[in-house]
C-alpha atoms as a PDB file:
ATOM      1  CA  MET A   1     110.289 141.545  99.383  1.00  0.00           C
ATOM      2  CA  ASN A   2     108.793 142.505 102.488  1.00  0.00           C
ATOM      3  CA  PRO A   3     108.618 139.686 105.086  1.00  0.00           C
ATOM      4  CA  ASP A   4     105.954 141.294 107.160  1.00  0.00           C
ATOM      5  CA  LYS A   5     103.456 141.243 104.347  1.00  0.00           C
ATOM      6  CA  PRO A   6     100.649 138.686 104.789  1.00  0.00           C
ATOM      7  CA  PHE A   7     101.234 135.556 102.784  1.00  0.00           C
ATOM      8  CA  GLN A   8      98.364 134.292 101.019  1.00  0.00           C
ATOM      9  CA  GLY A   9      99.675 131.151  99.374  1.00  0.00           C
ATOM     10  CA  ASP A  10      97.820 128.950 101.935  1.00  0.00           C
ATOM     11  CA  LYS A  11      94.440 130.542 100.764  1.00  0.00           C
ATOM     12  CA  LYS A  12      93.581 128.989  97.697  1.00  0.00           C
ATOM     13  CA  LEU A  13      90.627 130.111  95.605  1.00  0.00           C
ATOM     14  CA  PRO A  14      87.567 128.031  96.279  1.00  0.00           C
ATOM     15  CA  LEU A  15      87.745 124.729  94.289  1.00  0.00           C
ATOM     16  CA  ARG A  16      85.401 124.434  91.515  1.00  0.00           C
ATOM     17  CA  SER A  17      85.315 120.680  90.687  1.00  0.00           C
ATOM     18  CA  PRO A  18      82.798 117.743  91.293  1.00  0.00           C
ATOM     19  CA  LEU A  19      84.179 116.659  94.371  1.00  0.00           C
ATOM     20  CA  ALA A  20      85.154 119.828  96.104  1.00  0.00           C
ATOM     21  CA  LYS A  21      82.608 120.089  98.570  1.00  0.00           C
ATOM     22  CA  VAL A  22      82.396 116.800  99.464  1.00  0.00           C
ATOM     23  CA  GLU A  23      86.010 116.700 100.161  1.00  0.00           C
ATOM     24  CA  ARG A  24      86.082 119.956 102.171  1.00  0.00           C
ATOM     25  CA  ARG A  25      83.334 118.474 104.418  1.00  0.00           C
ATOM     26  CA  LEU A  26      85.481 115.480 104.913  1.00  0.00           C
ATOM     27  CA  ILE A  27      88.548 117.068 105.827  1.00  0.00           C
ATOM     28  CA  ASP A  28      86.936 119.347 108.112  1.00  0.00           C
ATOM     29  CA  ALA A  29      85.425 116.591 110.045  1.00  0.00           C
ATOM     30  CA  CYS A  30      88.653 114.412 110.214  1.00  0.00           C
ATOM     31  CA  VAL A  31      91.441 116.967 110.887  1.00  0.00           C
ATOM     32  CA  PRO A  32      90.356 117.123 114.749  1.00  0.00           C
ATOM     33  CA  SER A  33      91.123 113.645 114.965  1.00  0.00           C
ATOM     34  CA  PHE A  34      94.834 113.627 114.179  1.00  0.00           C
ATOM     35  CA  PRO A  35      97.165 112.773 117.073  1.00  0.00           C
ATOM     36  CA  ARG A  36      99.094 115.429 118.485  1.00  0.00           C
ATOM     37  CA  TRP A  37     102.555 114.225 117.470  1.00  0.00           C
ATOM     38  CA  ILE A  38     101.722 114.595 113.793  1.00  0.00           C
ATOM     39  CA  GLU A  39     102.482 117.867 112.143  1.00  0.00           C
ATOM     40  CA  GLY A  40     101.332 119.076 109.184  1.00  0.00           C
ATOM     41  CA  TYR A  41     104.851 119.202 107.745  1.00  0.00           C
ATOM     42  CA  HIS A  42     105.274 115.306 108.517  1.00  0.00           C
ATOM     43  CA  LEU A  43     102.457 114.911 106.145  1.00  0.00           C
ATOM     44  CA  THR A  44     103.924 116.935 103.511  1.00  0.00           C
ATOM     45  CA  LEU A  45     107.242 115.300 103.380  1.00  0.00           C
ATOM     46  CA  THR A  46     105.571 111.795 103.056  1.00  0.00           C
ATOM     47  CA  THR A  47     105.111 112.714  99.437  1.00  0.00           C
ATOM     48  CA  VAL A  48     108.644 111.600  98.914  1.00  0.00           C
ATOM     49  CA  LEU A  49     107.668 108.081  99.956  1.00  0.00           C
ATOM     50  CA  TRP A  50     104.690 107.926  97.779  1.00  0.00           C
ATOM     51  CA  SER A  51     106.634 109.156  94.643  1.00  0.00           C
ATOM     52  CA  ALA A  52     109.427 106.534  95.221  1.00  0.00           C
ATOM     53  CA  GLY A  53     106.394 103.895  95.695  1.00  0.00           C
ATOM     54  CA  LEU A  54     105.130 104.830  92.362  1.00  0.00           C
ATOM     55  CA  ILE A  55     108.389 104.518  90.415  1.00  0.00           C
ATOM     56  CA  VAL A  56     108.589 101.196  92.014  1.00  0.00           C
ATOM     57  CA  SER A  57     105.334 100.127  91.328  1.00  0.00           C
ATOM     58  CA  GLY A  58     105.681 100.941  87.611  1.00  0.00           C
ATOM     59  CA  TYR A  59     109.045  98.874  87.310  1.00  0.00           C
ATOM     60  CA  LEU A  60     107.628  95.762  88.865  1.00  0.00           C
ATOM     61  CA  ALA A  61     104.584  96.135  86.959  1.00  0.00           C
ATOM     62  CA  ARG A  62     106.481  94.998  83.770  1.00  0.00           C
ATOM     63  CA  GLN A  63     106.484  91.581  85.345  1.00  0.00           C
ATOM     64  CA  ASP A  64     103.223  91.513  86.950  1.00  0.00           C
ATOM     65  CA  ILE A  65     100.704  94.276  85.989  1.00  0.00           C
ATOM     66  CA  HIS A  66      99.001  93.734  89.613  1.00  0.00           C
ATOM     67  CA  TRP A  67     101.606  95.906  90.926  1.00  0.00           C
ATOM     68  CA  LEU A  68      99.559  98.782  89.639  1.00  0.00           C
ATOM     69  CA  TRP A  69      97.229  98.238  92.839  1.00  0.00           C
ATOM     70  CA  LEU A  70     100.424  99.561  94.617  1.00  0.00           C
ATOM     71  CA  ALA A  71     100.543 102.718  92.544  1.00  0.00           C
ATOM     72  CA  SER A  72      96.807 103.359  93.290  1.00  0.00           C
ATOM     73  CA  VAL A  73      97.314 102.982  96.990  1.00  0.00           C
ATOM     74  CA  MET A  74     100.177 105.507  96.722  1.00  0.00           C
ATOM     75  CA  LEU A  75      97.650 108.009  94.817  1.00  0.00           C
ATOM     76  CA  PHE A  76      95.408 107.392  97.719  1.00  0.00           C
ATOM     77  CA  LEU A  77      98.062 108.021 100.515  1.00  0.00           C
ATOM     78  CA  GLN A  78      99.160 111.285  98.507  1.00  0.00           C
ATOM     79  CA  TRP A  79      95.533 112.278  98.228  1.00  0.00           C
ATOM     80  CA  PHE A  80      95.276 111.773 102.188  1.00  0.00           C
ATOM     81  CA  THR A  81      98.350 113.635 103.249  1.00  0.00           C
ATOM     82  CA  ASP A  82      98.262 116.524 100.719  1.00  0.00           C
ATOM     83  CA  SER A  83      94.520 117.187 101.556  1.00  0.00           C
ATOM     84  CA  PHE A  84      95.228 117.204 105.432  1.00  0.00           C
ATOM     85  CA  ASP A  85      98.815 118.926 105.830  1.00  0.00           C
ATOM     86  CA  GLY A  86      97.593 122.420 105.354  1.00  0.00           C
ATOM     87  CA  ALA A  87      94.314 121.921 107.116  1.00  0.00           C
ATOM     88  CA  LEU A  88      96.067 120.545 110.307  1.00  0.00           C
ATOM     89  CA  GLY A  89      98.431 123.368 110.553  1.00  0.00           C
ATOM     90  CA  ARG A  90      95.457 125.787 109.985  1.00  0.00           C
ATOM     91  CA  TYR A  91      93.117 124.062 112.556  1.00  0.00           C
ATOM     92  CA  ARG A  92      96.021 123.964 115.292  1.00  0.00           C
ATOM     93  CA  ASP A  93      97.533 127.322 114.230  1.00  0.00           C
ATOM     94  CA  THR A  94     100.848 125.628 114.174  1.00  0.00           C
ATOM     95  CA  GLY A  95     101.186 125.901 110.270  1.00  0.00           C
ATOM     96  CA  ILE A  96     104.290 127.359 108.360  1.00  0.00           C
ATOM     97  CA  PRO A  97     102.575 128.594 105.369  1.00  0.00           C
ATOM     98  CA  LYS A  98     105.522 129.681 103.379  1.00  0.00           C
ATOM     99  CA  TRP A  99     107.617 126.667 103.866  1.00  0.00           C
ATOM    100  CA  GLY A 100     104.549 124.620 103.255  1.00  0.00           C
ATOM    101  CA  PHE A 101     103.700 126.296 100.023  1.00  0.00           C
ATOM    102  CA  TYR A 102     107.172 125.980  98.678  1.00  0.00           C
ATOM    103  CA  MET A 103     107.709 122.324  99.792  1.00  0.00           C
ATOM    104  CA  ASP A 104     104.014 121.135  99.092  1.00  0.00           C
ATOM    105  CA  HIS A 105     104.188 122.334  95.573  1.00  0.00           C
ATOM    106  CA  PHE A 106     107.416 121.332  94.740  1.00  0.00           C
ATOM    107  CA  LEU A 107     106.842 117.806  95.923  1.00  0.00           C
ATOM    108  CA  ASP A 108     103.387 118.048  93.952  1.00  0.00           C
ATOM    109  CA  PHE A 109     105.660 118.391  90.860  1.00  0.00           C
ATOM    110  CA  VAL A 110     107.814 115.581  92.097  1.00  0.00           C
ATOM    111  CA  PHE A 111     104.820 113.254  92.439  1.00  0.00           C
ATOM    112  CA  MET A 112     103.280 114.252  88.811  1.00  0.00           C
ATOM    113  CA  SER A 113     106.622 113.385  87.522  1.00  0.00           C
ATOM    114  CA  SER A 114     106.713 110.089  89.353  1.00  0.00           C
ATOM    115  CA  ILE A 115     103.353 109.255  88.267  1.00  0.00           C
ATOM    116  CA  LEU A 116     104.518 109.412  84.530  1.00  0.00           C
ATOM    117  CA  MET A 117     107.911 107.922  85.155  1.00  0.00           C
ATOM    118  CA  GLY A 118     106.190 105.090  86.389  1.00  0.00           C
ATOM    119  CA  TYR A 119     103.987 104.672  83.405  1.00  0.00           C
ATOM    120  CA  ALA A 120     107.218 105.133  81.090  1.00  0.00           C
ATOM    121  CA  LEU A 121     109.004 101.969  82.829  1.00  0.00           C
ATOM    122  CA  LEU A 122     105.705  99.976  82.218  1.00  0.00           C
ATOM    123  CA  PHE A 123     105.614 100.673  78.490  1.00  0.00           C
ATOM    124  CA  ASP A 124     108.565 100.513  75.813  1.00  0.00           C
ATOM    125  CA  GLY A 125     109.558 102.637  72.710  1.00  0.00           C
ATOM    126  CA  LEU A 126     107.515 105.397  71.500  1.00  0.00           C
ATOM    127  CA  HIS A 127     105.075 104.965  74.206  1.00  0.00           C
ATOM    128  CA  ARG A 128     107.815 105.620  77.150  1.00  0.00           C
ATOM    129  CA  ILE A 129     108.826 108.570  75.191  1.00  0.00           C
ATOM    130  CA  LEU A 130     105.260 110.128  74.997  1.00  0.00           C
ATOM    131  CA  PHE A 131     104.675 109.534  78.719  1.00  0.00           C
ATOM    132  CA  LEU A 132     108.119 111.499  79.685  1.00  0.00           C
ATOM    133  CA  VAL A 133     106.836 114.305  76.824  1.00  0.00           C
ATOM    134  CA  LEU A 134     103.944 114.759  79.338  1.00  0.00           C
ATOM    135  CA  VAL A 135     105.918 115.968  82.341  1.00  0.00           C
ATOM    136  CA  PRO A 136     106.869 119.287  80.850  1.00  0.00           C
ATOM    137  CA  ILE A 137     103.200 119.755  79.558  1.00  0.00           C
ATOM    138  CA  PHE A 138     101.778 118.969  82.961  1.00  0.00           C
ATOM    139  CA  GLY A 139     104.338 120.439  84.639  1.00  0.00           C
ATOM    140  CA  ALA A 140     103.235 123.564  82.686  1.00  0.00           C
ATOM    141  CA  PHE A 141      99.907 123.762  84.370  1.00  0.00           C
ATOM    142  CA  MET A 142     101.575 123.902  87.598  1.00  0.00           C
ATOM    143  CA  VAL A 143     103.891 126.691  86.481  1.00  0.00           C
ATOM    144  CA  ASN A 144     100.779 128.507  85.154  1.00  0.00           C
ATOM    145  CA  SER A 145      99.228 128.609  88.700  1.00  0.00           C
ATOM    146  CA  TYR A 146     102.516 129.759  90.241  1.00  0.00           C
ATOM    147  CA  LEU A 147     103.150 132.651  87.857  1.00  0.00           C
ATOM    148  CA  SER A 148      99.362 133.646  88.022  1.00  0.00           C
ATOM    149  CA  PHE A 149      99.456 133.621  91.834  1.00  0.00           C
ATOM    150  CA  ALA A 150     102.381 135.984  91.806  1.00  0.00           C
ATOM    151  CA  ALA A 151     100.719 138.278  89.337  1.00  0.00           C
ATOM    152  CA  THR A 152      97.310 138.253  90.794  1.00  0.00           C
ATOM    153  CA  SER A 153      97.603 136.873  94.689  1.00  0.00           C
ATOM    154  CA  GLU A 154      94.937 134.530  93.674  1.00  0.00           C
ATOM    155  CA  PHE A 155      95.996 130.801  93.639  1.00  0.00           C
ATOM    156  CA  LYS A 156      93.956 128.538  91.608  1.00  0.00           C
ATOM    157  CA  ILE A 157      94.560 124.878  91.344  1.00  0.00           C
ATOM    158  CA  THR A 158      91.582 123.665  89.241  1.00  0.00           C
ATOM    159  CA  PHE A 159      91.485 123.818  85.585  1.00  0.00           C
ATOM    160  CA  LEU A 160      88.814 123.290  83.175  1.00  0.00           C
ATOM    161  CA  GLY A 161      86.672 122.174  85.983  1.00  0.00           C
ATOM    162  CA  MET A 162      89.204 119.542  87.190  1.00  0.00           C
ATOM    163  CA  GLY A 163      91.013 119.537  90.675  1.00  0.00           C
ATOM    164  CA  PRO A 164      93.826 117.332  91.953  1.00  0.00           C
ATOM    165  CA  THR A 165      91.337 114.976  93.421  1.00  0.00           C
ATOM    166  CA  GLU A 166      89.531 114.121  90.322  1.00  0.00           C
ATOM    167  CA  VAL A 167      92.982 113.723  88.376  1.00  0.00           C
ATOM    168  CA  ARG A 168      94.153 111.143  91.144  1.00  0.00           C
ATOM    169  CA  LEU A 169      90.745 109.218  90.912  1.00  0.00           C
ATOM    170  CA  LEU A 170      90.903 109.064  86.965  1.00  0.00           C
ATOM    171  CA  ILE A 171      94.416 107.689  87.294  1.00  0.00           C
ATOM    172  CA  ILE A 172      93.222 105.070  89.928  1.00  0.00           C
ATOM    173  CA  VAL A 173      90.484 104.389  87.402  1.00  0.00           C
ATOM    174  CA  LEU A 174      93.177 103.937  84.690  1.00  0.00           C
ATOM    175  CA  ASN A 175      95.243 101.763  86.707  1.00  0.00           C
ATOM    176  CA  THR A 176      92.092  99.406  87.508  1.00  0.00           C
ATOM    177  CA  LEU A 177      91.432  99.236  83.858  1.00  0.00           C
ATOM    178  CA  ILE A 178      94.947  98.347  82.766  1.00  0.00           C
ATOM    179  CA  ILE A 179      94.961  95.805  85.465  1.00  0.00           C
ATOM    180  CA  LEU A 180      91.734  94.236  84.071  1.00  0.00           C
ATOM    181  CA  PHE A 181      91.879  94.650  80.347  1.00  0.00           C
ATOM    182  CA  GLY A 182      95.739  95.081  79.750  1.00  0.00           C
ATOM    183  CA  THR A 183      97.706  97.762  78.154  1.00  0.00           C
ATOM    184  CA  LYS A 184      96.681  97.646  74.434  1.00  0.00           C
ATOM    185  CA  PHE A 185      93.774 100.452  74.814  1.00  0.00           C
ATOM    186  CA  VAL A 186      96.462 102.952  76.493  1.00  0.00           C
ATOM    187  CA  GLU A 187      98.801 102.129  73.376  1.00  0.00           C
ATOM    188  CA  ILE A 188      96.145 103.244  71.219  1.00  0.00           C
ATOM    189  CA  ALA A 189      94.974 106.243  72.856  1.00  0.00           C
ATOM    190  CA  LEU A 190      98.364 107.460  74.091  1.00  0.00           C
ATOM    191  CA  PRO A 191      99.605 109.292  71.058  1.00  0.00           C
ATOM    192  CA  PHE A 192      96.661 111.511  71.080  1.00  0.00           C
ATOM    193  CA  LEU A 193      97.110 112.347  74.872  1.00  0.00           C
ATOM    194  CA  PRO A 194      99.951 115.073  74.439  1.00  0.00           C
ATOM    195  CA  VAL A 195      98.137 116.820  71.847  1.00  0.00           C
ATOM    196  CA  ALA A 196      95.066 117.252  73.829  1.00  0.00           C
ATOM    197  CA  SER A 197      96.955 118.074  76.818  1.00  0.00           C
ATOM    198  CA  PHE A 198      98.862 120.788  74.994  1.00  0.00           C
ATOM    199  CA  ILE A 199      95.457 122.267  73.348  1.00  0.00           C
ATOM    200  CA  ALA A 200      94.128 122.297  77.116  1.00  0.00           C
ATOM    201  CA  LEU A 201      97.214 124.124  78.448  1.00  0.00           C
ATOM    202  CA  ALA A 202      97.010 126.498  75.496  1.00  0.00           C
ATOM    203  CA  ALA A 203      93.326 127.194  76.694  1.00  0.00           C
ATOM    204  CA  VAL A 204      94.393 127.662  80.277  1.00  0.00           C
ATOM    205  CA  VAL A 205      97.210 129.902  79.550  1.00  0.00           C
ATOM    206  CA  TYR A 206      94.965 132.258  77.149  1.00  0.00           C
ATOM    207  CA  ARG A 207      92.356 132.439  79.824  1.00  0.00           C
ATOM    208  CA  THR A 208      95.044 133.419  82.591  1.00  0.00           C
ATOM    209  CA  GLN A 209      96.782 135.743  80.280  1.00  0.00           C
ATOM    210  CA  LYS A 210      93.642 137.571  79.244  1.00  0.00           C
ATOM    211  CA  TYR A 211      92.595 138.002  82.956  1.00  0.00           C
ATOM    212  CA  ILE A 212      95.833 139.471  83.909  1.00  0.00           C
ATOM    213  CA  TRP A 213      96.131 141.621  80.807  1.00  0.00           C
ATOM    214  CA  ARG A 214      92.662 142.911  81.883  1.00  0.00           C
ATOM    215  CA  ILE A 215      94.010 143.678  85.385  1.00  0.00           C
ATOM    216  CA  ASP A 216      96.943 145.432  84.195  1.00  0.00           C
ATOM    217  CA  MET A 217      94.652 147.743  81.928  1.00  0.00           C
ATOM    218  CA  GLU A 218      92.368 148.713  84.583  1.00  0.00           C
ATOM    219  CA  ASP A 219      95.507 149.702  86.915  1.00  0.00           C
ATOM    220  CA  LYS A 220      96.808 151.691  83.878  1.00  0.00           C
ATOM    221  CA  GLN A 221      93.631 153.387  83.420  1.00  0.00           C
ATOM    222  CA  LYS A 222      93.587 154.417  87.199  1.00  0.00           C
ATOM    223  CA  ARG A 223      97.118 155.652  87.070  1.00  0.00           C
ATOM    224  CA  SER A 224      96.078 157.785  84.011  1.00  0.00           C
ATOM    225  CA  THR A 225      93.088 159.373  85.608  1.00  0.00           C
ATOM    226  CA  SER A 226      94.622 160.002  89.018  1.00  0.00           C
ATOM    227  CA  PRO A 227      95.412 163.574  89.950  1.00  0.00           C
END
């Protein structure tokens, strides 16, 4: 590894999702207003708190479904801190991009797992198992991003037109529907979710490997024609 080589992990490809442009404008407008004593790494590490809050809310929601409002608050807070941690470092030129890349995305996996663990605590039997099955499937989407970045130096975090913000918003909507209408509709739909998620993962992996294969073939062609 060459430590002097410019690091590109903090430079994601432009987000292509419905809320990406609005989100970008909001972040750019708000980041100058942060107090000087708050650093980007403070925001990154708060994901530990939001992850714990999700697990607690899932456990408490077994007795009172309205505790899912706490889970939705955790999702909003994690969006806030995850959106501004890197932006704050870049704005002030005080970022620690390599540490930020490692810890931010490690904690993203912890947070994603905590979402599913919270739901698993809310349900019983087969439905609990199905939520736990989703952990490695959704984790594989993240692994795909990191391996693709290692192979191409292009860091992409949107899949099939969906970015992290849209996913968080969908989960908040799901929490609201569960609070209003109960868990029955989730129990009916849940058996199909791992299958649908696996199909989506297969599509993403196929597209990614095809793109990397094309890069390799182009490089191979250049080597074969060079003097």
